């Protein structure tokens, strides 16, 4: 899936050392390889919906989305609409209604009300996302409806644990708490 490090040119994460890594690896062809890789990013999925279960997005809820097509075509409507930026950069936050500016400089912080509206629109039980370091490998927010998984431990975030999710597609998801049994920490 596409994340904020695979964003469009106007939303590049900082620091962005991919061009120099490509130049080091491929020498005079490094810039060309970088441009081809950036083209590939435009073909990555923006989100995944597992019908009546969960939605997977890198960052968070596109707060102005009114239909599934707002997710599916976010890469095409960017930058005229904010959906792609929010999918790649948004973070859930406690104690707010709606959205507020993010300290990241891109995206927004969104409240539980935004989560509830979005999940209802998609007829799913939970949002599964990455994008944020979690010392425990995972974090639940918004009444358990937002599950953040972080699969890296150690530097530079110095998380003690990382985690991943193994969903049993034969089982129906009734409540977001059922996701807890599918989390694997390492």
N, C-alpha and C. Protein backbone atom coordinates (compact mmCIF):
# COMPACT_ATOMS: atom_id res chain seq x y z
N UNK A 1 0.83 -1.19 0.00
CA UNK A 1 0.00 0.00 0.00
C UNK A 1 0.88 1.25 0.00
N UNK A 2 0.31 2.30 -0.47
CA UNK A 2 1.02 3.57 -0.52
C UNK A 2 1.00 4.24 0.85
N UNK A 3 2.16 4.69 1.26
CA UNK A 3 2.29 5.42 2.51
C UNK A 3 2.83 6.81 2.27
N UNK A 4 3.05 7.55 3.33
CA UNK A 4 3.52 8.92 3.17
C UNK A 4 4.92 9.00 2.55
N UNK A 5 5.71 7.95 2.65
CA UNK A 5 7.03 7.96 2.03
C UNK A 5 6.97 7.64 0.54
N UNK A 6 5.79 7.28 0.06
CA UNK A 6 5.57 7.03 -1.37
C UNK A 6 4.59 8.05 -1.93
N UNK A 7 4.47 9.17 -1.28
CA UNK A 7 3.51 10.20 -1.67
C UNK A 7 3.90 10.93 -2.94
N UNK A 8 3.00 11.77 -3.43
CA UNK A 8 3.29 12.56 -4.62
C UNK A 8 4.36 13.61 -4.32
N UNK A 9 4.89 14.21 -5.35
CA UNK A 9 6.02 15.15 -5.22
C UNK A 9 5.74 16.30 -4.27
N UNK A 10 4.48 16.73 -4.16
CA UNK A 10 4.18 17.85 -3.26
C UNK A 10 3.99 17.42 -1.81
N UNK A 11 4.07 16.12 -1.53
CA UNK A 11 3.88 15.61 -0.17
C UNK A 11 5.01 14.68 0.26
N UNK A 12 6.22 14.96 -0.17
CA UNK A 12 7.35 14.07 0.14
C UNK A 12 7.73 14.20 1.61
N UNK A 13 7.90 13.05 2.25
CA UNK A 13 8.31 13.00 3.65
C UNK A 13 9.72 13.57 3.79
N UNK A 14 9.99 14.14 4.93
CA UNK A 14 11.31 14.71 5.19
C UNK A 14 11.88 14.07 6.45
N UNK A 15 13.11 13.65 6.48
CA UNK A 15 14.07 13.73 5.39
C UNK A 15 13.74 12.71 4.30
N UNK A 16 14.16 13.04 3.08
CA UNK A 16 13.89 12.19 1.92
C UNK A 16 15.23 11.84 1.28
N UNK A 17 15.79 10.72 1.69
CA UNK A 17 17.12 10.34 1.21
C UNK A 17 17.09 9.31 0.07
N UNK A 18 15.91 8.99 -0.42
CA UNK A 18 15.81 8.01 -1.50
C UNK A 18 16.59 8.41 -2.75
N UNK A 19 16.54 9.68 -3.18
CA UNK A 19 17.34 10.03 -4.37
C UNK A 19 18.84 9.76 -4.18
N UNK A 20 19.38 10.09 -3.03
CA UNK A 20 20.81 9.85 -2.82
C UNK A 20 21.11 8.35 -2.70
N UNK A 21 20.21 7.58 -2.12
CA UNK A 21 20.39 6.13 -2.06
C UNK A 21 20.39 5.52 -3.46
N UNK A 22 19.49 6.01 -4.31
CA UNK A 22 19.42 5.51 -5.68
C UNK A 22 20.69 5.89 -6.45
N UNK A 23 21.20 7.09 -6.23
CA UNK A 23 22.42 7.52 -6.91
C UNK A 23 23.62 6.69 -6.44
N UNK A 24 23.68 6.43 -5.14
CA UNK A 24 24.77 5.60 -4.60
C UNK A 24 24.73 4.18 -5.18
N UNK A 25 23.54 3.66 -5.35
CA UNK A 25 23.38 2.29 -5.82
C UNK A 25 23.55 2.16 -7.33
N UNK A 26 22.96 3.10 -8.08
CA UNK A 26 22.91 2.97 -9.53
C UNK A 26 23.77 4.01 -10.27
N UNK A 27 24.54 4.78 -9.52
CA UNK A 27 25.46 5.78 -10.09
C UNK A 27 24.76 6.72 -11.06
N UNK A 28 25.25 6.78 -12.34
CA UNK A 28 24.71 7.75 -13.30
C UNK A 28 23.26 7.45 -13.68
N UNK A 29 22.80 6.23 -13.44
CA UNK A 29 21.41 5.86 -13.73
C UNK A 29 20.51 6.06 -12.50
N UNK A 30 21.07 6.55 -11.42
CA UNK A 30 20.33 6.71 -10.17
C UNK A 30 19.13 7.61 -10.28
N UNK A 31 19.28 8.73 -10.94
CA UNK A 31 18.16 9.67 -11.07
C UNK A 31 17.03 9.05 -11.90
N UNK A 32 17.40 8.38 -12.98
CA UNK A 32 16.41 7.71 -13.83
C UNK A 32 15.69 6.62 -13.04
N UNK A 33 16.43 5.84 -12.27
CA UNK A 33 15.83 4.79 -11.44
C UNK A 33 14.88 5.39 -10.41
N UNK A 34 15.29 6.50 -9.82
CA UNK A 34 14.44 7.19 -8.85
C UNK A 34 13.12 7.62 -9.48
N UNK A 35 13.19 8.20 -10.66
CA UNK A 35 11.97 8.66 -11.34
C UNK A 35 11.05 7.49 -11.67
N UNK A 36 11.62 6.36 -12.08
CA UNK A 36 10.81 5.16 -12.37
C UNK A 36 10.16 4.64 -11.09
N UNK A 37 10.89 4.66 -10.01
CA UNK A 37 10.34 4.23 -8.73
C UNK A 37 9.19 5.14 -8.30
N UNK A 38 9.35 6.43 -8.50
CA UNK A 38 8.28 7.38 -8.17
C UNK A 38 7.04 7.10 -9.03
N UNK A 39 7.24 6.71 -10.29
CA UNK A 39 6.11 6.33 -11.14
C UNK A 39 5.40 5.11 -10.55
N UNK A 40 6.18 4.15 -10.08
CA UNK A 40 5.61 2.95 -9.47
C UNK A 40 4.72 3.31 -8.28
N UNK A 41 5.15 4.27 -7.48
CA UNK A 41 4.36 4.67 -6.31
C UNK A 41 2.94 5.06 -6.69
N UNK A 42 2.78 5.64 -7.88
CA UNK A 42 1.44 6.06 -8.32
C UNK A 42 0.52 4.88 -8.59
N UNK A 43 1.07 3.68 -8.64
CA UNK A 43 0.26 2.49 -8.91
C UNK A 43 -0.02 1.66 -7.66
N UNK A 44 0.51 2.08 -6.53
CA UNK A 44 0.24 1.37 -5.28
C UNK A 44 -1.17 1.68 -4.79
N UNK A 45 -1.79 0.72 -4.14
CA UNK A 45 -3.13 0.94 -3.60
C UNK A 45 -3.10 2.01 -2.52
N UNK A 46 -4.12 2.85 -2.52
CA UNK A 46 -4.27 3.88 -1.51
C UNK A 46 -4.90 3.30 -0.26
N UNK A 47 -5.73 2.31 -0.42
CA UNK A 47 -6.40 1.67 0.70
C UNK A 47 -6.91 0.31 0.30
N UNK A 48 -7.25 -0.47 1.30
CA UNK A 48 -7.82 -1.80 1.08
C UNK A 48 -9.04 -1.92 1.99
N UNK A 49 -10.13 -2.37 1.43
CA UNK A 49 -11.33 -2.61 2.22
C UNK A 49 -11.59 -4.11 2.22
N UNK A 50 -11.71 -4.67 3.39
CA UNK A 50 -12.12 -6.06 3.53
C UNK A 50 -13.58 -5.99 3.96
N UNK A 51 -14.43 -6.31 3.03
CA UNK A 51 -15.87 -6.10 3.12
C UNK A 51 -16.44 -6.50 4.48
N UNK A 52 -17.18 -5.56 5.05
CA UNK A 52 -17.88 -5.71 6.33
C UNK A 52 -16.94 -6.00 7.50
N UNK A 53 -15.63 -5.82 7.29
CA UNK A 53 -14.67 -6.08 8.37
C UNK A 53 -13.86 -4.83 8.71
N UNK A 54 -12.86 -4.53 7.85
CA UNK A 54 -11.92 -3.46 8.15
C UNK A 54 -11.54 -2.69 6.89
N UNK A 55 -10.98 -1.51 7.11
CA UNK A 55 -10.35 -0.73 6.05
C UNK A 55 -8.90 -0.53 6.47
N UNK A 56 -7.99 -0.65 5.53
CA UNK A 56 -6.57 -0.45 5.78
C UNK A 56 -6.12 0.79 5.02
N UNK A 57 -5.54 1.73 5.76
CA UNK A 57 -4.98 2.94 5.19
C UNK A 57 -3.65 3.18 5.88
N UNK A 58 -2.74 3.83 5.23
CA UNK A 58 -1.45 4.07 5.87
C UNK A 58 -1.56 5.04 7.04
N UNK A 59 -2.14 6.20 6.80
CA UNK A 59 -2.22 7.22 7.83
C UNK A 59 -3.56 7.22 8.53
N UNK A 60 -4.54 7.83 7.91
CA UNK A 60 -5.83 7.91 8.59
C UNK A 60 -6.98 8.28 7.70
N UNK A 61 -8.05 8.59 8.37
CA UNK A 61 -9.34 8.84 7.74
C UNK A 61 -9.29 10.11 6.88
N UNK A 62 -9.73 10.00 5.62
CA UNK A 62 -9.93 11.21 4.83
C UNK A 62 -11.23 11.87 5.31
N UNK A 63 -11.10 12.95 6.03
CA UNK A 63 -12.22 13.52 6.78
C UNK A 63 -13.37 14.03 5.91
N UNK A 64 -13.11 14.35 4.66
CA UNK A 64 -14.16 14.87 3.79
C UNK A 64 -14.70 13.82 2.83
N UNK A 65 -14.29 12.58 2.98
CA UNK A 65 -14.75 11.51 2.09
C UNK A 65 -16.24 11.26 2.31
N UNK A 66 -16.95 11.05 1.22
CA UNK A 66 -18.38 10.75 1.30
C UNK A 66 -18.73 9.43 0.63
N UNK A 67 -17.75 8.83 -0.06
CA UNK A 67 -17.99 7.56 -0.75
C UNK A 67 -16.67 6.82 -0.93
N UNK A 68 -16.75 5.54 -1.17
CA UNK A 68 -15.56 4.71 -1.35
C UNK A 68 -14.69 5.22 -2.50
N UNK A 69 -15.29 5.83 -3.50
CA UNK A 69 -14.52 6.36 -4.63
C UNK A 69 -13.57 7.47 -4.21
N UNK A 70 -13.87 8.14 -3.10
CA UNK A 70 -12.95 9.17 -2.61
C UNK A 70 -11.62 8.56 -2.19
N UNK A 71 -11.64 7.30 -1.77
CA UNK A 71 -10.41 6.58 -1.44
C UNK A 71 -9.79 6.02 -2.72
N UNK A 72 -10.62 5.36 -3.52
CA UNK A 72 -10.13 4.68 -4.72
C UNK A 72 -9.48 5.64 -5.71
N UNK A 73 -9.98 6.84 -5.79
CA UNK A 73 -9.46 7.80 -6.77
C UNK A 73 -8.75 8.99 -6.13
N UNK A 74 -8.35 8.85 -4.89
CA UNK A 74 -7.67 9.95 -4.18
C UNK A 74 -6.42 10.40 -4.91
N UNK A 75 -5.71 9.46 -5.51
CA UNK A 75 -4.48 9.81 -6.25
C UNK A 75 -4.79 10.64 -7.50
N UNK A 76 -5.99 10.49 -8.05
CA UNK A 76 -6.36 11.24 -9.25
C UNK A 76 -6.93 12.62 -8.91
N UNK A 77 -7.57 12.75 -7.77
CA UNK A 77 -8.18 14.02 -7.40
C UNK A 77 -7.22 14.92 -6.62
N UNK A 78 -6.04 14.39 -6.29
CA UNK A 78 -5.03 15.18 -5.58
C UNK A 78 -4.35 16.12 -6.56
N UNK A 79 -4.08 17.34 -6.24
CA UNK A 79 -4.24 18.03 -4.97
C UNK A 79 -5.53 18.83 -4.85
N UNK A 80 -6.43 18.74 -5.84
CA UNK A 80 -7.68 19.51 -5.77
C UNK A 80 -8.50 19.13 -4.54
N UNK A 81 -8.45 17.86 -4.16
CA UNK A 81 -9.13 17.40 -2.95
C UNK A 81 -8.08 16.89 -1.98
N UNK A 82 -8.40 16.92 -0.70
CA UNK A 82 -7.45 16.63 0.37
C UNK A 82 -7.37 15.14 0.73
N UNK A 83 -8.16 14.30 0.09
CA UNK A 83 -8.26 12.90 0.49
C UNK A 83 -6.90 12.19 0.55
N UNK A 84 -6.10 12.28 -0.50
CA UNK A 84 -4.82 11.56 -0.53
C UNK A 84 -3.90 12.03 0.59
N UNK A 85 -3.78 13.31 0.77
CA UNK A 85 -2.93 13.83 1.85
C UNK A 85 -3.37 13.27 3.20
N UNK A 86 -4.67 13.25 3.45
CA UNK A 86 -5.16 12.76 4.74
C UNK A 86 -4.97 11.25 4.88
N UNK A 87 -5.16 10.50 3.81
CA UNK A 87 -4.96 9.04 3.86
C UNK A 87 -3.50 8.73 4.20
N UNK A 88 -2.59 9.50 3.64
CA UNK A 88 -1.16 9.24 3.85
C UNK A 88 -0.62 9.83 5.15
N UNK A 89 -1.20 10.91 5.65
CA UNK A 89 -0.59 11.65 6.75
C UNK A 89 -1.42 11.79 8.02
N UNK A 90 -2.72 11.55 7.99
CA UNK A 90 -3.55 11.80 9.18
C UNK A 90 -3.24 10.85 10.33
N UNK A 91 -3.50 11.34 11.54
CA UNK A 91 -3.33 10.55 12.77
C UNK A 91 -4.56 10.71 13.65
N UNK A 92 -4.99 9.62 14.32
CA UNK A 92 -6.10 9.74 15.27
C UNK A 92 -5.65 10.50 16.50
N UNK A 93 -6.60 11.17 17.15
CA UNK A 93 -6.27 11.95 18.34
C UNK A 93 -7.42 11.83 19.34
N UNK A 94 -7.06 11.85 20.61
CA UNK A 94 -8.08 11.78 21.67
C UNK A 94 -8.60 13.17 22.00
N UNK A 95 -9.86 13.22 22.37
CA UNK A 95 -10.43 14.43 22.95
C UNK A 95 -10.69 15.57 21.99
N UNK A 96 -10.74 15.32 20.69
CA UNK A 96 -11.10 16.38 19.76
C UNK A 96 -12.30 15.94 18.94
N UNK A 97 -13.02 16.91 18.43
CA UNK A 97 -14.09 16.65 17.48
C UNK A 97 -13.63 17.19 16.14
N UNK A 98 -13.96 16.48 15.09
CA UNK A 98 -13.54 16.92 13.77
C UNK A 98 -12.06 16.71 13.57
N UNK A 99 -11.41 17.69 12.94
CA UNK A 99 -9.98 17.61 12.68
C UNK A 99 -9.31 18.91 13.11
N UNK A 100 -8.02 18.80 13.39
CA UNK A 100 -7.19 19.97 13.67
C UNK A 100 -5.87 19.80 12.93
N UNK A 101 -5.13 20.88 12.79
CA UNK A 101 -3.84 20.83 12.10
C UNK A 101 -2.91 19.83 12.77
N UNK A 102 -2.12 19.17 11.97
CA UNK A 102 -1.15 18.20 12.48
C UNK A 102 0.21 18.86 12.68
N UNK A 103 0.90 18.49 13.75
CA UNK A 103 2.26 19.02 13.93
C UNK A 103 3.25 18.48 12.90
N UNK A 104 2.85 17.47 12.12
CA UNK A 104 3.73 16.90 11.09
C UNK A 104 3.93 17.86 9.92
N UNK A 105 3.02 18.83 9.77
CA UNK A 105 3.12 19.75 8.64
C UNK A 105 2.31 19.31 7.43
N UNK A 106 1.79 18.11 7.46
CA UNK A 106 0.90 17.59 6.41
C UNK A 106 -0.17 16.77 7.12
N UNK A 107 -1.33 16.64 6.50
CA UNK A 107 -2.41 15.89 7.10
C UNK A 107 -3.03 16.62 8.28
N UNK A 108 -3.90 15.89 8.99
CA UNK A 108 -4.65 16.45 10.11
C UNK A 108 -4.70 15.42 11.23
N UNK A 109 -5.02 15.88 12.42
CA UNK A 109 -5.37 15.00 13.52
C UNK A 109 -6.88 14.88 13.50
N UNK A 110 -7.41 13.66 13.67
CA UNK A 110 -8.86 13.47 13.58
C UNK A 110 -9.41 12.82 14.84
N UNK A 111 -10.64 13.22 15.17
CA UNK A 111 -11.31 12.73 16.37
C UNK A 111 -12.15 11.50 16.12
N UNK A 112 -12.66 10.96 17.22
CA UNK A 112 -13.47 9.74 17.16
C UNK A 112 -14.73 9.92 16.32
N UNK A 113 -15.29 11.12 16.32
CA UNK A 113 -16.48 11.38 15.50
C UNK A 113 -16.19 11.19 14.02
N UNK A 114 -15.01 11.58 13.59
CA UNK A 114 -14.60 11.41 12.18
C UNK A 114 -14.44 9.92 11.88
N UNK A 115 -13.83 9.20 12.82
CA UNK A 115 -13.68 7.74 12.66
C UNK A 115 -15.04 7.07 12.53
N UNK A 116 -15.97 7.39 13.44
CA UNK A 116 -17.30 6.76 13.42
C UNK A 116 -18.02 6.99 12.10
N UNK A 117 -17.99 8.21 11.62
CA UNK A 117 -18.67 8.55 10.36
C UNK A 117 -18.06 7.78 9.18
N UNK A 118 -16.75 7.71 9.16
CA UNK A 118 -16.04 7.04 8.07
C UNK A 118 -16.31 5.54 8.07
N UNK A 119 -16.21 4.90 9.22
CA UNK A 119 -16.45 3.45 9.30
C UNK A 119 -17.89 3.11 8.92
N UNK A 120 -18.81 3.94 9.37
CA UNK A 120 -20.22 3.72 9.02
C UNK A 120 -20.42 3.84 7.52
N UNK A 121 -19.80 4.85 6.89
CA UNK A 121 -19.92 5.04 5.45
C UNK A 121 -19.45 3.80 4.69
N UNK A 122 -18.36 3.18 5.17
CA UNK A 122 -17.80 2.01 4.48
C UNK A 122 -18.40 0.69 4.95
N UNK A 123 -19.21 0.74 5.99
CA UNK A 123 -19.81 -0.47 6.58
C UNK A 123 -18.73 -1.46 7.03
N UNK A 124 -17.75 -0.93 7.77
CA UNK A 124 -16.69 -1.76 8.34
C UNK A 124 -16.60 -1.47 9.84
N UNK A 125 -15.90 -2.34 10.55
CA UNK A 125 -15.83 -2.24 12.01
C UNK A 125 -14.62 -1.48 12.52
N UNK A 126 -13.53 -1.43 11.72
CA UNK A 126 -12.30 -0.83 12.24
C UNK A 126 -11.42 -0.33 11.10
N UNK A 127 -10.54 0.60 11.48
CA UNK A 127 -9.47 1.09 10.62
C UNK A 127 -8.17 0.50 11.13
N UNK A 128 -7.41 -0.11 10.23
CA UNK A 128 -6.08 -0.61 10.56
C UNK A 128 -5.08 0.26 9.81
N UNK A 129 -4.09 0.76 10.53
CA UNK A 129 -3.17 1.72 9.96
C UNK A 129 -1.77 1.50 10.49
N UNK A 130 -0.81 2.20 9.93
CA UNK A 130 0.57 2.20 10.40
C UNK A 130 0.93 3.63 10.76
N UNK A 131 1.99 4.16 10.19
CA UNK A 131 2.32 5.57 10.20
C UNK A 131 2.85 6.13 11.52
N UNK A 132 2.59 5.48 12.65
CA UNK A 132 3.04 6.02 13.93
C UNK A 132 3.76 4.97 14.74
N UNK A 133 4.85 5.36 15.32
CA UNK A 133 5.59 4.50 16.22
C UNK A 133 4.72 4.13 17.42
N UNK A 134 4.81 2.87 17.86
CA UNK A 134 4.06 2.39 19.03
C UNK A 134 5.03 1.59 19.90
N UNK A 135 5.40 2.08 21.08
CA UNK A 135 6.36 1.36 21.93
C UNK A 135 5.96 -0.09 22.20
N UNK A 136 4.66 -0.38 22.18
CA UNK A 136 4.15 -1.72 22.44
C UNK A 136 3.95 -2.52 21.15
N UNK A 137 4.26 -1.91 19.99
CA UNK A 137 4.05 -2.57 18.71
C UNK A 137 2.69 -2.26 18.10
N UNK A 138 1.74 -1.94 18.95
CA UNK A 138 0.40 -1.57 18.47
C UNK A 138 -0.25 -0.63 19.47
N UNK A 139 -1.27 0.07 18.99
CA UNK A 139 -2.03 0.98 19.84
C UNK A 139 -3.47 1.01 19.34
N UNK A 140 -4.40 1.05 20.27
CA UNK A 140 -5.82 1.16 19.94
C UNK A 140 -6.32 2.53 20.36
N UNK A 141 -7.18 3.10 19.54
CA UNK A 141 -7.79 4.39 19.85
C UNK A 141 -9.24 4.40 19.40
N UNK A 142 -9.92 5.44 19.78
CA UNK A 142 -11.30 5.68 19.38
C UNK A 142 -12.18 4.46 19.67
N UNK A 143 -12.15 4.04 20.93
CA UNK A 143 -12.98 2.91 21.34
C UNK A 143 -12.56 1.60 20.71
N UNK A 144 -11.29 1.49 20.35
CA UNK A 144 -10.77 0.27 19.72
C UNK A 144 -11.02 0.20 18.23
N UNK A 145 -11.67 1.22 17.66
CA UNK A 145 -12.00 1.20 16.24
C UNK A 145 -10.81 1.56 15.35
N UNK A 146 -9.77 2.14 15.93
CA UNK A 146 -8.56 2.45 15.17
C UNK A 146 -7.42 1.63 15.77
N UNK A 147 -6.83 0.79 14.96
CA UNK A 147 -5.70 -0.03 15.39
C UNK A 147 -4.47 0.38 14.60
N UNK A 148 -3.47 0.88 15.32
CA UNK A 148 -2.20 1.25 14.70
C UNK A 148 -1.22 0.12 14.95
N UNK A 149 -0.61 -0.38 13.89
CA UNK A 149 0.42 -1.41 13.97
C UNK A 149 1.73 -0.82 13.48
N UNK A 150 2.80 -1.08 14.20
CA UNK A 150 4.10 -0.58 13.77
C UNK A 150 5.05 -1.77 13.75
N UNK A 151 5.60 -2.07 12.59
CA UNK A 151 6.37 -3.30 12.42
C UNK A 151 7.87 -3.09 12.48
N UNK A 152 8.28 -2.00 13.10
CA UNK A 152 9.72 -1.76 13.26
C UNK A 152 10.02 -1.51 14.72
N UNK A 153 11.10 -2.11 15.19
CA UNK A 153 11.55 -1.83 16.55
C UNK A 153 13.01 -1.40 16.51
N UNK A 154 13.44 -0.78 17.56
CA UNK A 154 14.81 -0.29 17.60
C UNK A 154 14.94 1.08 16.97
N UNK A 155 16.18 1.49 16.67
CA UNK A 155 16.42 2.83 16.12
C UNK A 155 15.70 3.02 14.79
N UNK A 156 15.28 4.19 14.41
CA UNK A 156 15.44 5.44 15.16
C UNK A 156 14.33 5.70 16.17
N UNK A 157 13.31 4.84 16.22
CA UNK A 157 12.17 5.08 17.11
C UNK A 157 12.38 4.49 18.49
N UNK A 158 13.26 3.50 18.58
CA UNK A 158 13.58 2.84 19.84
C UNK A 158 12.39 2.16 20.50
N UNK A 159 11.46 1.67 19.68
CA UNK A 159 10.35 0.88 20.21
C UNK A 159 10.87 -0.47 20.66
N UNK A 160 10.39 -0.95 21.80
CA UNK A 160 10.82 -2.24 22.32
C UNK A 160 10.17 -3.40 21.57
N UNK A 161 8.99 -3.17 21.02
CA UNK A 161 8.25 -4.21 20.32
C UNK A 161 7.77 -3.72 18.96
N UNK A 162 7.53 -4.64 18.08
CA UNK A 162 6.87 -4.39 16.81
C UNK A 162 5.72 -5.39 16.72
N UNK A 163 4.82 -5.18 15.76
CA UNK A 163 3.67 -6.07 15.67
C UNK A 163 3.16 -6.16 14.24
N UNK A 164 2.45 -7.24 13.98
CA UNK A 164 1.74 -7.40 12.72
C UNK A 164 0.41 -8.08 13.03
N UNK A 165 -0.46 -8.10 12.05
CA UNK A 165 -1.80 -8.64 12.21
C UNK A 165 -1.99 -9.79 11.25
N UNK A 166 -2.53 -10.88 11.73
CA UNK A 166 -2.84 -12.03 10.87
C UNK A 166 -4.35 -12.25 10.97
N UNK A 167 -5.06 -11.79 9.93
CA UNK A 167 -6.51 -11.90 9.91
C UNK A 167 -6.95 -13.24 9.34
N UNK A 168 -7.88 -13.87 10.01
CA UNK A 168 -8.50 -15.10 9.51
C UNK A 168 -9.71 -14.67 8.69
N UNK A 169 -9.58 -14.77 7.38
CA UNK A 169 -10.64 -14.29 6.50
C UNK A 169 -11.91 -15.15 6.55
N UNK A 170 -11.83 -16.31 7.17
CA UNK A 170 -13.02 -17.14 7.28
C UNK A 170 -13.88 -16.73 8.47
N UNK A 171 -13.35 -15.88 9.34
CA UNK A 171 -14.09 -15.45 10.53
C UNK A 171 -14.69 -14.07 10.31
N UNK A 172 -15.93 -13.92 10.73
CA UNK A 172 -16.61 -12.63 10.64
C UNK A 172 -16.14 -11.76 11.80
N UNK A 173 -15.96 -10.50 11.54
CA UNK A 173 -15.55 -9.55 12.57
C UNK A 173 -16.81 -8.85 13.08
N UNK A 174 -17.16 -9.12 14.33
CA UNK A 174 -18.35 -8.50 14.92
C UNK A 174 -18.00 -7.21 15.65
N UNK A 175 -16.85 -7.23 16.36
CA UNK A 175 -16.42 -6.08 17.15
C UNK A 175 -14.93 -5.87 16.96
N UNK A 176 -14.49 -4.60 17.01
CA UNK A 176 -13.06 -4.33 16.81
C UNK A 176 -12.15 -5.05 17.81
N UNK A 177 -12.65 -5.34 19.00
CA UNK A 177 -11.83 -6.03 20.02
C UNK A 177 -11.36 -7.41 19.55
N UNK A 178 -12.07 -8.01 18.61
CA UNK A 178 -11.67 -9.31 18.08
C UNK A 178 -10.31 -9.24 17.39
N UNK A 179 -9.92 -8.06 16.95
CA UNK A 179 -8.63 -7.90 16.28
C UNK A 179 -7.47 -8.18 17.22
N UNK A 180 -7.68 -8.00 18.51
CA UNK A 180 -6.60 -8.18 19.48
C UNK A 180 -6.01 -9.58 19.42
N UNK A 181 -6.85 -10.59 19.19
CA UNK A 181 -6.34 -11.97 19.13
C UNK A 181 -5.52 -12.23 17.88
N UNK A 182 -5.62 -11.34 16.89
CA UNK A 182 -4.88 -11.53 15.63
C UNK A 182 -3.54 -10.78 15.62
N UNK A 183 -3.26 -10.03 16.68
CA UNK A 183 -2.01 -9.26 16.74
C UNK A 183 -0.89 -10.17 17.20
N UNK A 184 0.24 -10.08 16.52
CA UNK A 184 1.45 -10.82 16.88
C UNK A 184 2.57 -9.83 17.14
N UNK A 185 3.06 -9.84 18.37
CA UNK A 185 4.16 -8.95 18.74
C UNK A 185 5.48 -9.69 18.61
N UNK A 186 6.52 -8.95 18.27
CA UNK A 186 7.85 -9.54 18.24
C UNK A 186 8.86 -8.51 18.68
